[in-house]
Amino acid sequence: MTGMTPKGKDIGTVYFEVRVIGNAAQVTAIHAATGTEVKVTCPATLAQSSMQLAALRRLQSVLAKNTG
């Protein structure tokens, strides 16, 4: 999946991993170009697209901090 920033800039390829543990899901997003990895925890009942969007937003935030 490619990630779009709020300003519409494409950040490139992002890989997602979803692990369900009880009633929670741990979502990992990995930015392919930099290897930056973030994790978010969501309710397991949330739609997968919503889980991925939450992880993508966290990843975008971390990438913005790292690039200054």
PDB file of N, CA and C in Angstrom:
ATOM      1  N   MET A   1       0.844  -1.173   0.000  1.00  0.00           N
ATOM      2  CA  MET A   1       0.000   0.000   0.000  1.00  0.00           C
ATOM      3  C   MET A   1       0.893   1.241   0.000  1.00  0.00           C
ATOM      4  N   THR A   2       0.484   2.261  -0.684  1.00  0.00           N
ATOM      5  CA  THR A   2       1.221   3.515  -0.623  1.00  0.00           C
ATOM      6  C   THR A   2       0.526   4.435   0.364  1.00  0.00           C
ATOM      7  N   GLY A   3       1.304   5.273   1.016  1.00  0.00           N
ATOM      8  CA  GLY A   3       0.755   6.170   2.018  1.00  0.00           C
ATOM      9  C   GLY A   3       0.725   7.599   1.520  1.00  0.00           C
ATOM     10  N   MET A   4      -0.421   8.252   1.662  1.00  0.00           N
ATOM     11  CA  MET A   4      -0.561   9.642   1.258  1.00  0.00           C
ATOM     12  C   MET A   4      -0.575  10.512   2.509  1.00  0.00           C
ATOM     13  N   THR A   5       0.205  11.571   2.488  1.00  0.00           N
ATOM     14  CA  THR A   5       0.214  12.502   3.603  1.00  0.00           C
ATOM     15  C   THR A   5      -1.030  13.384   3.521  1.00  0.00           C
ATOM     16  N   PRO A   6      -1.366  14.113   4.595  1.00  0.00           N
ATOM     17  CA  PRO A   6      -2.536  14.995   4.544  1.00  0.00           C
ATOM     18  C   PRO A   6      -2.463  16.018   3.416  1.00  0.00           C
ATOM     19  N   LYS A   7      -1.275  16.398   2.993  1.00  0.00           N
ATOM     20  CA  LYS A   7      -1.125  17.366   1.911  1.00  0.00           C
ATOM     21  C   LYS A   7      -1.129  16.687   0.541  1.00  0.00           C
ATOM     22  N   GLY A   8      -1.363  15.362   0.521  1.00  0.00           N
ATOM     23  CA  GLY A   8      -1.449  14.645  -0.738  1.00  0.00           C
ATOM     24  C   GLY A   8      -0.127  14.132  -1.275  1.00  0.00           C
ATOM     25  N   LYS A   9       0.944  14.269  -0.492  1.00  0.00           N
ATOM     26  CA  LYS A   9       2.251  13.781  -0.924  1.00  0.00           C
ATOM     27  C   LYS A   9       2.362  12.283  -0.644  1.00  0.00           C
ATOM     28  N   ASP A  10       2.781  11.531  -1.645  1.00  0.00           N
ATOM     29  CA  ASP A  10       2.932  10.084  -1.502  1.00  0.00           C
ATOM     30  C   ASP A  10       4.222   9.794  -0.749  1.00  0.00           C
ATOM     31  N   ILE A  11       4.137   9.009   0.343  1.00  0.00           N
ATOM     32  CA  ILE A  11       5.348   8.680   1.112  1.00  0.00           C
ATOM     33  C   ILE A  11       5.963   7.363   0.663  1.00  0.00           C
ATOM     34  N   GLY A  12       5.358   6.702  -0.310  1.00  0.00           N
ATOM     35  CA  GLY A  12       5.916   5.464  -0.838  1.00  0.00           C
ATOM     36  C   GLY A  12       5.230   4.238  -0.265  1.00  0.00           C
ATOM     37  N   THR A  13       5.885   3.109  -0.398  1.00  0.00           N
ATOM     38  CA  THR A  13       5.316   1.835   0.009  1.00  0.00           C
ATOM     39  C   THR A  13       5.351   1.657   1.527  1.00  0.00           C
ATOM     40  N   VAL A  14       4.229   1.192   2.063  1.00  0.00           N
ATOM     41  CA  VAL A  14       4.105   0.920   3.493  1.00  0.00           C
ATOM     42  C   VAL A  14       3.570  -0.501   3.638  1.00  0.00           C
ATOM     43  N   TYR A  15       4.226  -1.298   4.472  1.00  0.00           N
ATOM     44  CA  TYR A  15       3.791  -2.663   4.752  1.00  0.00           C
ATOM     45  C   TYR A  15       3.078  -2.693   6.092  1.00  0.00           C
ATOM     46  N   PHE A  16       2.011  -3.495   6.181  1.00  0.00           N
ATOM     47  CA  PHE A  16       1.230  -3.610   7.407  1.00  0.00           C
ATOM     48  C   PHE A  16       1.209  -5.053   7.891  1.00  0.00           C
ATOM     49  N   GLU A  17       1.224  -5.210   9.214  1.00  0.00           N
ATOM     50  CA  GLU A  17       1.043  -6.510   9.839  1.00  0.00           C
ATOM     51  C   GLU A  17       0.024  -6.332  10.951  1.00  0.00           C
ATOM     52  N   VAL A  18      -0.982  -7.190  10.983  1.00  0.00           N
ATOM     53  CA  VAL A  18      -2.022  -7.122  12.009  1.00  0.00           C
ATOM     54  C   VAL A  18      -1.985  -8.421  12.808  1.00  0.00           C
ATOM     55  N   ARG A  19      -1.829  -8.283  14.127  1.00  0.00           N
ATOM     56  CA  ARG A  19      -1.834  -9.444  15.030  1.00  0.00           C
ATOM     57  C   ARG A  19      -2.948  -9.239  16.038  1.00  0.00           C
ATOM     58  N   VAL A  20      -3.871 -10.193  16.087  1.00  0.00           N
ATOM     59  CA  VAL A  20      -4.982 -10.120  17.040  1.00  0.00           C
ATOM     60  C   VAL A  20      -4.595 -10.895  18.293  1.00  0.00           C
ATOM     61  N   ILE A  21      -4.706 -10.205  19.428  1.00  0.00           N
ATOM     62  CA  ILE A  21      -4.375 -10.789  20.728  1.00  0.00           C
ATOM     63  C   ILE A  21      -5.574 -10.534  21.634  1.00  0.00           C
ATOM     64  N   GLY A  22      -6.400 -11.550  21.807  1.00  0.00           N
ATOM     65  CA  GLY A  22      -7.616 -11.375  22.599  1.00  0.00           C
ATOM     66  C   GLY A  22      -8.569 -10.427  21.909  1.00  0.00           C
ATOM     67  N   ASN A  23      -8.991  -9.375  22.626  1.00  0.00           N
ATOM     68  CA  ASN A  23      -9.923  -8.422  22.037  1.00  0.00           C
ATOM     69  C   ASN A  23      -9.218  -7.177  21.486  1.00  0.00           C
ATOM     70  N   ALA A  24      -7.897  -7.249  21.358  1.00  0.00           N
ATOM     71  CA  ALA A  24      -7.119  -6.135  20.819  1.00  0.00           C
ATOM     72  C   ALA A  24      -6.327  -6.596  19.595  1.00  0.00           C
ATOM     73  N   ALA A  25      -6.037  -5.661  18.728  1.00  0.00           N
ATOM     74  CA  ALA A  25      -5.216  -5.950  17.550  1.00  0.00           C
ATOM     75  C   ALA A  25      -4.018  -5.019  17.570  1.00  0.00           C
ATOM     76  N   GLN A  26      -2.846  -5.584  17.347  1.00  0.00           N
ATOM     77  CA  GLN A  26      -1.633  -4.786  17.261  1.00  0.00           C
ATOM     78  C   GLN A  26      -1.293  -4.647  15.776  1.00  0.00           C
ATOM     79  N   VAL A  27      -1.227  -3.414  15.312  1.00  0.00           N
ATOM     80  CA  VAL A  27      -0.975  -3.141  13.900  1.00  0.00           C
ATOM     81  C   VAL A  27       0.407  -2.524  13.772  1.00  0.00           C
ATOM     82  N   THR A  28       1.236  -3.109  12.929  1.00  0.00           N
ATOM     83  CA  THR A  28       2.578  -2.602  12.659  1.00  0.00           C
ATOM     84  C   THR A  28       2.591  -2.035  11.248  1.00  0.00           C
ATOM     85  N   ALA A  29       3.132  -0.835  11.094  1.00  0.00           N
ATOM     86  CA  ALA A  29       3.304  -0.218   9.780  1.00  0.00           C
ATOM     87  C   ALA A  29       4.801   0.002   9.577  1.00  0.00           C
ATOM     88  N   ILE A  30       5.307  -0.425   8.424  1.00  0.00           N
ATOM     89  CA  ILE A  30       6.733  -0.304   8.114  1.00  0.00           C
ATOM     90  C   ILE A  30       6.891   0.472   6.825  1.00  0.00           C
ATOM     91  N   HIS A  31       7.653   1.552   6.892  1.00  0.00           N
ATOM     92  CA  HIS A  31       7.947   2.361   5.708  1.00  0.00           C
ATOM     93  C   HIS A  31       9.084   1.687   4.952  1.00  0.00           C
ATOM     94  N   ALA A  32       8.820   1.244   3.731  1.00  0.00           N
ATOM     95  CA  ALA A  32       9.789   0.452   2.975  1.00  0.00           C
ATOM     96  C   ALA A  32      11.083   1.209   2.694  1.00  0.00           C
ATOM     97  N   ALA A  33      11.000   2.483   2.379  1.00  0.00           N
ATOM     98  CA  ALA A  33      12.189   3.253   1.986  1.00  0.00           C
ATOM     99  C   ALA A  33      13.155   3.479   3.139  1.00  0.00           C
ATOM    100  N   THR A  34      12.629   3.668   4.355  1.00  0.00           N
ATOM    101  CA  THR A  34      13.493   4.008   5.488  1.00  0.00           C
ATOM    102  C   THR A  34      13.599   2.901   6.531  1.00  0.00           C
ATOM    103  N   GLY A  35      12.681   1.945   6.484  1.00  0.00           N
ATOM    104  CA  GLY A  35      12.667   0.896   7.497  1.00  0.00           C
ATOM    105  C   GLY A  35      12.060   1.356   8.817  1.00  0.00           C
ATOM    106  N   THR A  36      11.495   2.552   8.849  1.00  0.00           N
ATOM    107  CA  THR A  36      10.854   3.069  10.055  1.00  0.00           C
ATOM    108  C   THR A  36       9.621   2.225  10.371  1.00  0.00           C
ATOM    109  N   GLU A  37       9.496   1.837  11.625  1.00  0.00           N
ATOM    110  CA  GLU A  37       8.406   0.954  12.045  1.00  0.00           C
ATOM    111  C   GLU A  37       7.666   1.565  13.220  1.00  0.00           C
ATOM    112  N   VAL A  38       6.338   1.527  13.165  1.00  0.00           N
ATOM    113  CA  VAL A  38       5.504   1.989  14.278  1.00  0.00           C
ATOM    114  C   VAL A  38       4.464   0.925  14.579  1.00  0.00           C
ATOM    115  N   LYS A  39       3.962   0.939  15.814  1.00  0.00           N
ATOM    116  CA  LYS A  39       2.915   0.006  16.219  1.00  0.00           C
ATOM    117  C   LYS A  39       1.804   0.774  16.905  1.00  0.00           C
ATOM    118  N   VAL A  40       0.575   0.372  16.629  1.00  0.00           N
ATOM    119  CA  VAL A  40      -0.593   0.925  17.304  1.00  0.00           C
ATOM    120  C   VAL A  40      -1.450  -0.237  17.778  1.00  0.00           C
ATOM    121  N   THR A  41      -2.208  -0.010  18.820  1.00  0.00           N
ATOM    122  CA  THR A  41      -3.128  -1.017  19.334  1.00  0.00           C
ATOM    123  C   THR A  41      -4.546  -0.506  19.132  1.00  0.00           C
ATOM    124  N   CYS A  42      -5.386  -1.369  18.565  1.00  0.00           N
ATOM    125  CA  CYS A  42      -6.768  -1.020  18.250  1.00  0.00           C
ATOM    126  C   CYS A  42      -7.688  -2.126  18.754  1.00  0.00           C
ATOM    127  N   PRO A  43      -8.985  -1.834  18.886  1.00  0.00           N
ATOM    128  CA  PRO A  43      -9.930  -2.909  19.191  1.00  0.00           C
ATOM    129  C   PRO A  43      -9.950  -3.914  18.033  1.00  0.00           C
ATOM    130  N   ALA A  44     -10.008  -5.181  18.348  1.00  0.00           N
ATOM    131  CA  ALA A  44      -9.996  -6.219  17.317  1.00  0.00           C
ATOM    132  C   ALA A  44     -11.234  -6.160  16.430  1.00  0.00           C
ATOM    133  N   THR A  45     -12.293  -5.524  16.900  1.00  0.00           N
ATOM    134  CA  THR A  45     -13.536  -5.437  16.128  1.00  0.00           C
ATOM    135  C   THR A  45     -13.509  -4.319  15.085  1.00  0.00           C
ATOM    136  N   LEU A  46     -12.494  -3.478  15.115  1.00  0.00           N
ATOM    137  CA  LEU A  46     -12.371  -2.377  14.162  1.00  0.00           C
ATOM    138  C   LEU A  46     -12.094  -2.934  12.759  1.00  0.00           C
ATOM    139  N   ALA A  47     -12.604  -2.281  11.751  1.00  0.00           N
ATOM    140  CA  ALA A  47     -12.352  -2.712  10.372  1.00  0.00           C
ATOM    141  C   ALA A  47     -10.851  -2.637  10.080  1.00  0.00           C
ATOM    142  N   GLN A  48     -10.345  -3.577   9.296  1.00  0.00           N
ATOM    143  CA  GLN A  48      -8.915  -3.622   8.999  1.00  0.00           C
ATOM    144  C   GLN A  48      -8.437  -2.329   8.335  1.00  0.00           C
ATOM    145  N   SER A  49      -9.260  -1.750   7.473  1.00  0.00           N
ATOM    146  CA  SER A  49      -8.864  -0.499   6.821  1.00  0.00           C
ATOM    147  C   SER A  49      -8.694   0.627   7.838  1.00  0.00           C
ATOM    148  N   SER A  50      -9.529   0.653   8.865  1.00  0.00           N
ATOM    149  CA  SER A  50      -9.413   1.666   9.923  1.00  0.00           C
ATOM    150  C   SER A  50      -8.162   1.445  10.763  1.00  0.00           C
ATOM    151  N   MET A  51      -7.838   0.172  11.009  1.00  0.00           N
ATOM    152  CA  MET A  51      -6.606  -0.144  11.736  1.00  0.00           C
ATOM    153  C   MET A  51      -5.387   0.334  10.953  1.00  0.00           C
ATOM    154  N   GLN A  52      -5.380   0.054   9.666  1.00  0.00           N
ATOM    155  CA  GLN A  52      -4.253   0.444   8.825  1.00  0.00           C
ATOM    156  C   GLN A  52      -4.144   1.964   8.737  1.00  0.00           C
ATOM    157  N   LEU A  53      -5.277   2.644   8.673  1.00  0.00           N
ATOM    158  CA  LEU A  53      -5.257   4.104   8.611  1.00  0.00           C
ATOM    159  C   LEU A  53      -4.670   4.692   9.891  1.00  0.00           C
ATOM    160  N   ALA A  54      -5.021   4.128  11.041  1.00  0.00           N
ATOM    161  CA  ALA A  54      -4.471   4.604  12.316  1.00  0.00           C
ATOM    162  C   ALA A  54      -2.955   4.419  12.340  1.00  0.00           C
ATOM    163  N   ALA A  55      -2.486   3.264  11.891  1.00  0.00           N
ATOM    164  CA  ALA A  55      -1.047   3.000  11.859  1.00  0.00           C
ATOM    165  C   ALA A  55      -0.347   3.901  10.851  1.00  0.00           C
ATOM    166  N   LEU A  56      -0.980   4.143   9.705  1.00  0.00           N
ATOM    167  CA  LEU A  56      -0.391   5.017   8.689  1.00  0.00           C
ATOM    168  C   LEU A  56      -0.251   6.443   9.208  1.00  0.00           C
ATOM    169  N   ARG A  57      -1.245   6.925   9.911  1.00  0.00           N
ATOM    170  CA  ARG A  57      -1.168   8.286  10.470  1.00  0.00           C
ATOM    171  C   ARG A  57      -0.048   8.400  11.501  1.00  0.00           C
ATOM    172  N   ARG A  58       0.109   7.368  12.324  1.00  0.00           N
ATOM    173  CA  ARG A  58       1.209   7.368  13.294  1.00  0.00           C
ATOM    174  C   ARG A  58       2.548   7.364  12.565  1.00  0.00           C
ATOM    175  N   LEU A  59       2.660   6.545  11.524  1.00  0.00           N
ATOM    176  CA  LEU A  59       3.891   6.475  10.741  1.00  0.00           C
ATOM    177  C   LEU A  59       4.213   7.822  10.105  1.00  0.00           C
ATOM    178  N   GLN A  60       3.210   8.478   9.546  1.00  0.00           N
ATOM    179  CA  GLN A  60       3.412   9.790   8.944  1.00  0.00           C
ATOM    180  C   GLN A  60       3.918  10.802   9.976  1.00  0.00           C
ATOM    181  N   SER A  61       3.379  10.721  11.170  1.00  0.00           N
ATOM    182  CA  SER A  61       3.803  11.620  12.245  1.00  0.00           C
ATOM    183  C   SER A  61       5.273  11.379  12.602  1.00  0.00           C
ATOM    184  N   VAL A  62       5.656  10.127  12.724  1.00  0.00           N
ATOM    185  CA  VAL A  62       7.037   9.795  13.068  1.00  0.00           C
ATOM    186  C   VAL A  62       7.987  10.210  11.946  1.00  0.00           C
ATOM    187  N   LEU A  63       7.595   9.968  10.698  1.00  0.00           N
ATOM    188  CA  LEU A  63       8.452  10.365   9.562  1.00  0.00           C
ATOM    189  C   LEU A  63       8.616  11.880   9.507  1.00  0.00           C
ATOM    190  N   ALA A  64       7.546  12.619   9.803  1.00  0.00           N
ATOM    191  CA  ALA A  64       7.632  14.085   9.796  1.00  0.00           C
ATOM    192  C   ALA A  64       8.585  14.574  10.883  1.00  0.00           C
ATOM    193  N   LYS A  65       8.556  13.950  12.054  1.00  0.00           N
ATOM    194  CA  LYS A  65       9.473  14.325  13.136  1.00  0.00           C
ATOM    195  C   LYS A  65      10.917  14.033  12.756  1.00  0.00           C
ATOM    196  N   ASN A  66      11.141  12.880  12.123  1.00  0.00           N
ATOM    197  CA  ASN A  66      12.495  12.464  11.783  1.00  0.00           C
ATOM    198  C   ASN A  66      13.122  13.280  10.661  1.00  0.00           C
ATOM    199  N   THR A  67      12.285  13.843   9.786  1.00  0.00           N
ATOM    200  CA  THR A  67      12.817  14.620   8.665  1.00  0.00           C
ATOM    201  C   THR A  67      12.898  16.112   8.991  1.00  0.00           C
ATOM    202  N   GLY A  68      12.417  16.476  10.150  1.00  0.00           N
ATOM    203  CA  GLY A  68      12.575  17.848  10.609  1.00  0.00           C
ATOM    204  C   GLY A  68      11.461  18.697  10.198  1.00  0.00           C
TER     205      GLY A  68
END
